[in-house]
Amino acid sequence: MKQILITAALLAALCACQPDSEANQAKTYYDLKGFLEQQIQQLNAQKPQVLKETAVGNAHDRQTTSTIDWAKELELFLQADLNKSAFKLSYTTTRPDSNTYEYRLKPTEKLLVKYLKIKVNNSRKVAFMEATVKQQNKLYDSEKHLLLTCAKTASGIWQLKTYEVSGFQKLAMSDKNTFLMRGLVL
């Protein structure tokens, strides 16, 4: 009985030491989520002015603001991160050059992110990101095109410069609704 308890304790200790969360696993794809979370922290702290444009159908709005919840603002970009355990074998990777990562969903897979392209600078930080996210079923059809650029600020910090989400949504019994959200960090 004593041996069984010792063996059980050793197994429990070994299991506790095994990394089981996605955060602890080696990244299969570029760590977009990690980069964006760092940007969100930085932007929330700095509260920069942003020229923001939105359009839904024919309704347009344009304003300059510094009151942005960056986690919500960049939520769709975070959702484009491919480093989830279930996605490990779902994408083909192409490297046209040493600073570019292109990921395409394999034809046999049924995930929302169809395409992701990331260009990095020489410090391996995102300079450009583009993604296509599609969802289609009998009741709903949606496509989103995501664009994001980063650049060095006057103070030498690598930071988000522009971001854009455009696309459409269509319910089976209604017309297609187009939308656009664009931001320029001033």
C-alpha atoms as a PDB file:
ATOM      1  CA  MET A   1       0.000   0.000   0.000  1.00  0.00           C
ATOM      2  CA  LYS A   2       2.835   2.360   0.900  1.00  0.00           C
ATOM      3  CA  GLN A   3       4.473   1.661  -2.486  1.00  0.00           C
ATOM      4  CA  ILE A   4       1.244   2.503  -4.311  1.00  0.00           C
ATOM      5  CA  LEU A   5       0.990   5.848  -2.494  1.00  0.00           C
ATOM      6  CA  ILE A   6       4.608   6.688  -3.300  1.00  0.00           C
ATOM      7  CA  THR A   7       4.105   5.739  -6.970  1.00  0.00           C
ATOM      8  CA  ALA A   8       0.895   7.813  -7.144  1.00  0.00           C
ATOM      9  CA  ALA A   9       2.677  10.793  -5.576  1.00  0.00           C
ATOM     10  CA  LEU A  10       5.547  10.525  -8.071  1.00  0.00           C
ATOM     11  CA  LEU A  11       3.136  10.306 -11.019  1.00  0.00           C
ATOM     12  CA  ALA A  12       1.222  13.334  -9.748  1.00  0.00           C
ATOM     13  CA  ALA A  13       4.472  15.280  -9.396  1.00  0.00           C
ATOM     14  CA  LEU A  14       5.568  14.340 -12.927  1.00  0.00           C
ATOM     15  CA  CYS A  15       2.201  15.303 -14.405  1.00  0.00           C
ATOM     16  CA  ALA A  16       2.264  18.640 -12.586  1.00  0.00           C
ATOM     17  CA  CYS A  17       5.590  19.453 -14.239  1.00  0.00           C
ATOM     18  CA  GLN A  18       4.342  18.814 -17.788  1.00  0.00           C
ATOM     19  CA  PRO A  19       3.382  21.952 -19.714  1.00  0.00           C
ATOM     20  CA  ASP A  20      -0.187  21.427 -20.866  1.00  0.00           C
ATOM     21  CA  SER A  21      -1.384  24.893 -21.732  1.00  0.00           C
ATOM     22  CA  GLU A  22      -1.097  26.358 -25.222  1.00  0.00           C
ATOM     23  CA  ALA A  23       0.941  29.231 -23.797  1.00  0.00           C
ATOM     24  CA  ASN A  24       3.664  26.806 -22.702  1.00  0.00           C
ATOM     25  CA  GLN A  25       3.836  24.830 -25.936  1.00  0.00           C
ATOM     26  CA  ALA A  26       6.267  25.597 -28.735  1.00  0.00           C
ATOM     27  CA  LYS A  27       4.619  27.777 -31.372  1.00  0.00           C
ATOM     28  CA  THR A  28       3.920  26.082 -34.694  1.00  0.00           C
ATOM     29  CA  TYR A  29       3.132  29.385 -36.412  1.00  0.00           C
ATOM     30  CA  TYR A  30       4.305  32.973 -35.904  1.00  0.00           C
ATOM     31  CA  ASP A  31       3.222  34.187 -32.428  1.00  0.00           C
ATOM     32  CA  LEU A  32       0.733  36.821 -33.610  1.00  0.00           C
ATOM     33  CA  LYS A  33      -1.202  36.685 -30.338  1.00  0.00           C
ATOM     34  CA  GLY A  34       1.905  37.427 -28.258  1.00  0.00           C
ATOM     35  CA  PHE A  35       2.812  40.385 -30.464  1.00  0.00           C
ATOM     36  CA  LEU A  36      -0.747  41.798 -30.398  1.00  0.00           C
ATOM     37  CA  GLU A  37      -1.073  41.415 -26.624  1.00  0.00           C
ATOM     38  CA  GLN A  38       2.139  43.411 -26.204  1.00  0.00           C
ATOM     39  CA  GLN A  39       0.761  46.091 -28.553  1.00  0.00           C
ATOM     40  CA  ILE A  40      -2.553  46.199 -26.645  1.00  0.00           C
ATOM     41  CA  GLN A  41      -0.725  46.797 -23.348  1.00  0.00           C
ATOM     42  CA  GLN A  42       1.452  49.480 -24.913  1.00  0.00           C
ATOM     43  CA  LEU A  43      -1.470  51.283 -26.614  1.00  0.00           C
ATOM     44  CA  ASN A  44      -3.684  51.132 -23.515  1.00  0.00           C
ATOM     45  CA  ALA A  45      -0.870  52.738 -21.515  1.00  0.00           C
ATOM     46  CA  GLN A  46      -0.057  55.439 -24.104  1.00  0.00           C
ATOM     47  CA  LYS A  47      -3.634  56.273 -25.189  1.00  0.00           C
ATOM     48  CA  PRO A  48      -2.591  57.685 -28.586  1.00  0.00           C
ATOM     49  CA  GLN A  49      -4.917  59.728 -30.790  1.00  0.00           C
ATOM     50  CA  VAL A  50      -6.542  57.613 -33.491  1.00  0.00           C
ATOM     51  CA  LEU A  51      -8.323  58.763 -36.636  1.00  0.00           C
ATOM     52  CA  LYS A  52     -11.066  56.164 -36.865  1.00  0.00           C
ATOM     53  CA  GLU A  53     -13.453  55.556 -39.750  1.00  0.00           C
ATOM     54  CA  THR A  54     -16.389  53.157 -39.708  1.00  0.00           C
ATOM     55  CA  ALA A  55     -18.960  52.315 -42.339  1.00  0.00           C
ATOM     56  CA  VAL A  56     -21.896  49.920 -42.325  1.00  0.00           C
ATOM     57  CA  GLY A  57     -23.713  49.836 -45.627  1.00  0.00           C
ATOM     58  CA  ASN A  58     -24.161  53.493 -46.645  1.00  0.00           C
ATOM     59  CA  ALA A  59     -23.712  54.940 -43.129  1.00  0.00           C
ATOM     60  CA  HIS A  60     -20.241  56.419 -42.520  1.00  0.00           C
ATOM     61  CA  ASP A  61     -18.624  57.894 -39.419  1.00  0.00           C
ATOM     62  CA  ARG A  62     -15.221  59.492 -38.935  1.00  0.00           C
ATOM     63  CA  GLN A  63     -13.720  60.753 -35.688  1.00  0.00           C
ATOM     64  CA  THR A  64     -10.476  61.324 -33.818  1.00  0.00           C
ATOM     65  CA  THR A  65     -10.327  59.766 -30.358  1.00  0.00           C
ATOM     66  CA  SER A  66      -7.935  58.484 -27.724  1.00  0.00           C
ATOM     67  CA  THR A  67     -10.548  56.547 -25.739  1.00  0.00           C
ATOM     68  CA  ILE A  68     -10.205  53.099 -27.271  1.00  0.00           C
ATOM     69  CA  ASP A  69     -10.336  49.743 -25.532  1.00  0.00           C
ATOM     70  CA  TRP A  70      -7.540  48.158 -27.558  1.00  0.00           C
ATOM     71  CA  ALA A  71      -8.392  44.578 -26.552  1.00  0.00           C
ATOM     72  CA  LYS A  72     -11.839  45.022 -28.101  1.00  0.00           C
ATOM     73  CA  GLU A  73     -10.522  47.038 -31.032  1.00  0.00           C
ATOM     74  CA  LEU A  74      -8.033  44.337 -32.039  1.00  0.00           C
ATOM     75  CA  GLU A  75     -10.146  41.318 -31.030  1.00  0.00           C
ATOM     76  CA  LEU A  76     -10.622  40.087 -34.616  1.00  0.00           C
ATOM     77  CA  PHE A  77      -6.861  40.282 -35.194  1.00  0.00           C
ATOM     78  CA  LEU A  78      -6.277  38.183 -32.060  1.00  0.00           C
ATOM     79  CA  GLN A  79      -8.748  35.622 -33.383  1.00  0.00           C
ATOM     80  CA  ALA A  80      -6.567  35.242 -36.492  1.00  0.00           C
ATOM     81  CA  ASP A  81      -3.763  33.713 -34.399  1.00  0.00           C
ATOM     82  CA  LEU A  82      -3.182  30.128 -35.539  1.00  0.00           C
ATOM     83  CA  ASN A  83      -1.325  28.784 -32.504  1.00  0.00           C
ATOM     84  CA  LYS A  84      -4.040  26.554 -31.104  1.00  0.00           C
ATOM     85  CA  SER A  85      -3.379  22.858 -30.482  1.00  0.00           C
ATOM     86  CA  ALA A  86      -6.203  21.787 -32.795  1.00  0.00           C
ATOM     87  CA  PHE A  87      -4.769  23.865 -35.687  1.00  0.00           C
ATOM     88  CA  LYS A  88      -1.248  22.402 -35.586  1.00  0.00           C
ATOM     89  CA  LEU A  89      -1.554  20.476 -38.875  1.00  0.00           C
ATOM     90  CA  SER A  90      -4.293  22.549 -40.526  1.00  0.00           C
ATOM     91  CA  TYR A  91      -2.190  25.073 -42.491  1.00  0.00           C
ATOM     92  CA  THR A  92       0.505  24.963 -45.129  1.00  0.00           C
ATOM     93  CA  THR A  93       3.394  27.320 -44.511  1.00  0.00           C
ATOM     94  CA  THR A  94       5.233  29.234 -47.237  1.00  0.00           C
ATOM     95  CA  ARG A  95       8.286  31.444 -46.680  1.00  0.00           C
ATOM     96  CA  PRO A  96       8.731  33.601 -49.843  1.00  0.00           C
ATOM     97  CA  ASP A  97      11.632  35.313 -48.032  1.00  0.00           C
ATOM     98  CA  SER A  98      13.162  35.260 -44.548  1.00  0.00           C
ATOM     99  CA  ASN A  99      10.839  38.034 -43.298  1.00  0.00           C
ATOM    100  CA  THR A 100       7.537  36.688 -44.644  1.00  0.00           C
ATOM    101  CA  TYR A 101       5.267  33.973 -43.292  1.00  0.00           C
ATOM    102  CA  GLU A 102       2.259  32.832 -45.329  1.00  0.00           C
ATOM    103  CA  TYR A 103      -0.243  30.331 -43.997  1.00  0.00           C
ATOM    104  CA  ARG A 104      -3.040  28.812 -46.087  1.00  0.00           C
ATOM    105  CA  LEU A 105      -5.765  26.555 -44.768  1.00  0.00           C
ATOM    106  CA  LYS A 106      -5.457  23.058 -46.209  1.00  0.00           C
ATOM    107  CA  PRO A 107      -8.396  22.157 -48.521  1.00  0.00           C
ATOM    108  CA  THR A 108      -9.442  19.317 -46.224  1.00  0.00           C
ATOM    109  CA  GLU A 109      -9.836  21.622 -43.196  1.00  0.00           C
ATOM    110  CA  LYS A 110     -12.907  23.624 -42.147  1.00  0.00           C
ATOM    111  CA  LEU A 111     -11.576  26.503 -40.029  1.00  0.00           C
ATOM    112  CA  LEU A 112     -12.496  30.202 -40.155  1.00  0.00           C
ATOM    113  CA  VAL A 113      -9.042  31.673 -40.871  1.00  0.00           C
ATOM    114  CA  LYS A 114      -8.410  30.838 -44.526  1.00  0.00           C
ATOM    115  CA  TYR A 115      -5.222  32.854 -45.073  1.00  0.00           C
ATOM    116  CA  LEU A 116      -2.698  34.681 -42.909  1.00  0.00           C
ATOM    117  CA  LYS A 117       0.346  36.607 -44.080  1.00  0.00           C
ATOM    118  CA  ILE A 118       2.828  38.226 -41.724  1.00  0.00           C
ATOM    119  CA  LYS A 119       5.849  40.298 -42.712  1.00  0.00           C
ATOM    120  CA  VAL A 120       8.340  41.076 -39.961  1.00  0.00           C
ATOM    121  CA  ASN A 121      11.138  43.597 -39.661  1.00  0.00           C
ATOM    122  CA  ASN A 122      14.766  42.627 -38.994  1.00  0.00           C
ATOM    123  CA  SER A 123      13.963  42.479 -35.253  1.00  0.00           C
ATOM    124  CA  ARG A 124      11.246  39.862 -36.025  1.00  0.00           C
ATOM    125  CA  LYS A 125       8.404  42.238 -35.069  1.00  0.00           C
ATOM    126  CA  VAL A 126       5.274  42.466 -37.208  1.00  0.00           C
ATOM    127  CA  ALA A 127       5.502  45.152 -39.899  1.00  0.00           C
ATOM    128  CA  PHE A 128       2.481  43.973 -41.927  1.00  0.00           C
ATOM    129  CA  MET A 129      -0.291  41.476 -41.317  1.00  0.00           C
ATOM    130  CA  GLU A 130      -3.098  40.378 -43.631  1.00  0.00           C
ATOM    131  CA  ALA A 131      -5.757  37.721 -43.020  1.00  0.00           C
ATOM    132  CA  THR A 132      -8.935  36.413 -44.600  1.00  0.00           C
ATOM    133  CA  VAL A 133     -11.610  34.994 -42.320  1.00  0.00           C
ATOM    134  CA  LYS A 134     -14.674  33.296 -43.847  1.00  0.00           C
ATOM    135  CA  GLN A 135     -17.715  31.615 -42.404  1.00  0.00           C
ATOM    136  CA  GLN A 136     -20.422  30.032 -44.509  1.00  0.00           C
ATOM    137  CA  ASN A 137     -23.380  27.791 -43.780  1.00  0.00           C
ATOM    138  CA  LYS A 138     -27.015  27.519 -44.912  1.00  0.00           C
ATOM    139  CA  LEU A 139     -28.131  30.504 -42.814  1.00  0.00           C
ATOM    140  CA  TYR A 140     -25.122  32.791 -42.771  1.00  0.00           C
ATOM    141  CA  ASP A 141     -22.293  33.947 -45.048  1.00  0.00           C
ATOM    142  CA  SER A 142     -19.520  36.222 -43.820  1.00  0.00           C
ATOM    143  CA  GLU A 143     -16.094  37.334 -44.993  1.00  0.00           C
ATOM    144  CA  LYS A 144     -13.620  39.599 -43.216  1.00  0.00           C
ATOM    145  CA  HIS A 145     -10.376  40.959 -44.611  1.00  0.00           C
ATOM    146  CA  LEU A 146      -7.927  42.121 -41.924  1.00  0.00           C
ATOM    147  CA  LEU A 147      -4.955  44.434 -42.530  1.00  0.00           C
ATOM    148  CA  LEU A 148      -2.511  45.818 -39.993  1.00  0.00           C
ATOM    149  CA  THR A 149       0.756  47.748 -40.256  1.00  0.00           C
ATOM    150  CA  CYS A 150       3.323  48.713 -37.638  1.00  0.00           C
ATOM    151  CA  ALA A 151       6.223  51.148 -37.727  1.00  0.00           C
ATOM    152  CA  LYS A 152       8.746  52.830 -35.463  1.00  0.00           C
ATOM    153  CA  THR A 153       7.374  55.947 -33.740  1.00  0.00           C
ATOM    154  CA  ALA A 154       9.281  59.236 -33.363  1.00  0.00           C
ATOM    155  CA  SER A 155      10.290  58.038 -29.872  1.00  0.00           C
ATOM    156  CA  GLY A 156      11.735  54.813 -31.331  1.00  0.00           C
ATOM    157  CA  ILE A 157       9.002  52.409 -30.193  1.00  0.00           C
ATOM    158  CA  TRP A 158       7.696  49.739 -32.590  1.00  0.00           C
ATOM    159  CA  GLN A 159       3.951  50.322 -32.646  1.00  0.00           C
ATOM    160  CA  LEU A 160       0.714  49.710 -34.488  1.00  0.00           C
ATOM    161  CA  LYS A 161       0.264  52.345 -37.203  1.00  0.00           C
ATOM    162  CA  THR A 162      -2.828  51.316 -39.195  1.00  0.00           C
ATOM    163  CA  TYR A 163      -5.485  48.640 -38.945  1.00  0.00           C
ATOM    164  CA  GLU A 164      -8.498  47.773 -41.057  1.00  0.00           C
ATOM    165  CA  VAL A 165     -11.324  45.253 -41.050  1.00  0.00           C
ATOM    166  CA  SER A 166     -13.557  45.136 -44.128  1.00  0.00           C
ATOM    167  CA  GLY A 167     -15.999  42.649 -45.501  1.00  0.00           C
ATOM    168  CA  PHE A 168     -19.614  41.586 -45.538  1.00  0.00           C
ATOM    169  CA  GLN A 169     -22.270  39.644 -43.683  1.00  0.00           C
ATOM    170  CA  LYS A 170     -25.282  38.052 -45.287  1.00  0.00           C
ATOM    171  CA  LEU A 171     -28.138  36.230 -43.636  1.00  0.00           C
ATOM    172  CA  ALA A 172     -30.102  33.794 -45.802  1.00  0.00           C
ATOM    173  CA  MET A 173     -33.241  35.944 -45.760  1.00  0.00           C
ATOM    174  CA  SER A 174     -31.656  39.389 -46.088  1.00  0.00           C
ATOM    175  CA  ASP A 175     -29.403  41.504 -48.277  1.00  0.00           C
ATOM    176  CA  LYS A 176     -25.632  41.539 -47.989  1.00  0.00           C
ATOM    177  CA  ASN A 177     -24.359  44.141 -45.487  1.00  0.00           C
ATOM    178  CA  THR A 178     -20.880  45.530 -46.104  1.00  0.00           C
ATOM    179  CA  PHE A 179     -18.757  47.013 -43.344  1.00  0.00           C
ATOM    180  CA  LEU A 180     -15.449  48.792 -42.808  1.00  0.00           C
ATOM    181  CA  MET A 181     -13.500  49.774 -39.716  1.00  0.00           C
ATOM    182  CA  ARG A 182     -10.232  51.611 -40.294  1.00  0.00           C
ATOM    183  CA  GLY A 183      -7.869  53.254 -37.824  1.00  0.00           C
ATOM    184  CA  LEU A 184      -4.770  55.408 -38.162  1.00  0.00           C
ATOM    185  CA  VAL A 185      -2.704  55.869 -34.988  1.00  0.00           C
ATOM    186  CA  LEU A 186      -1.522  59.471 -34.990  1.00  0.00           C
END
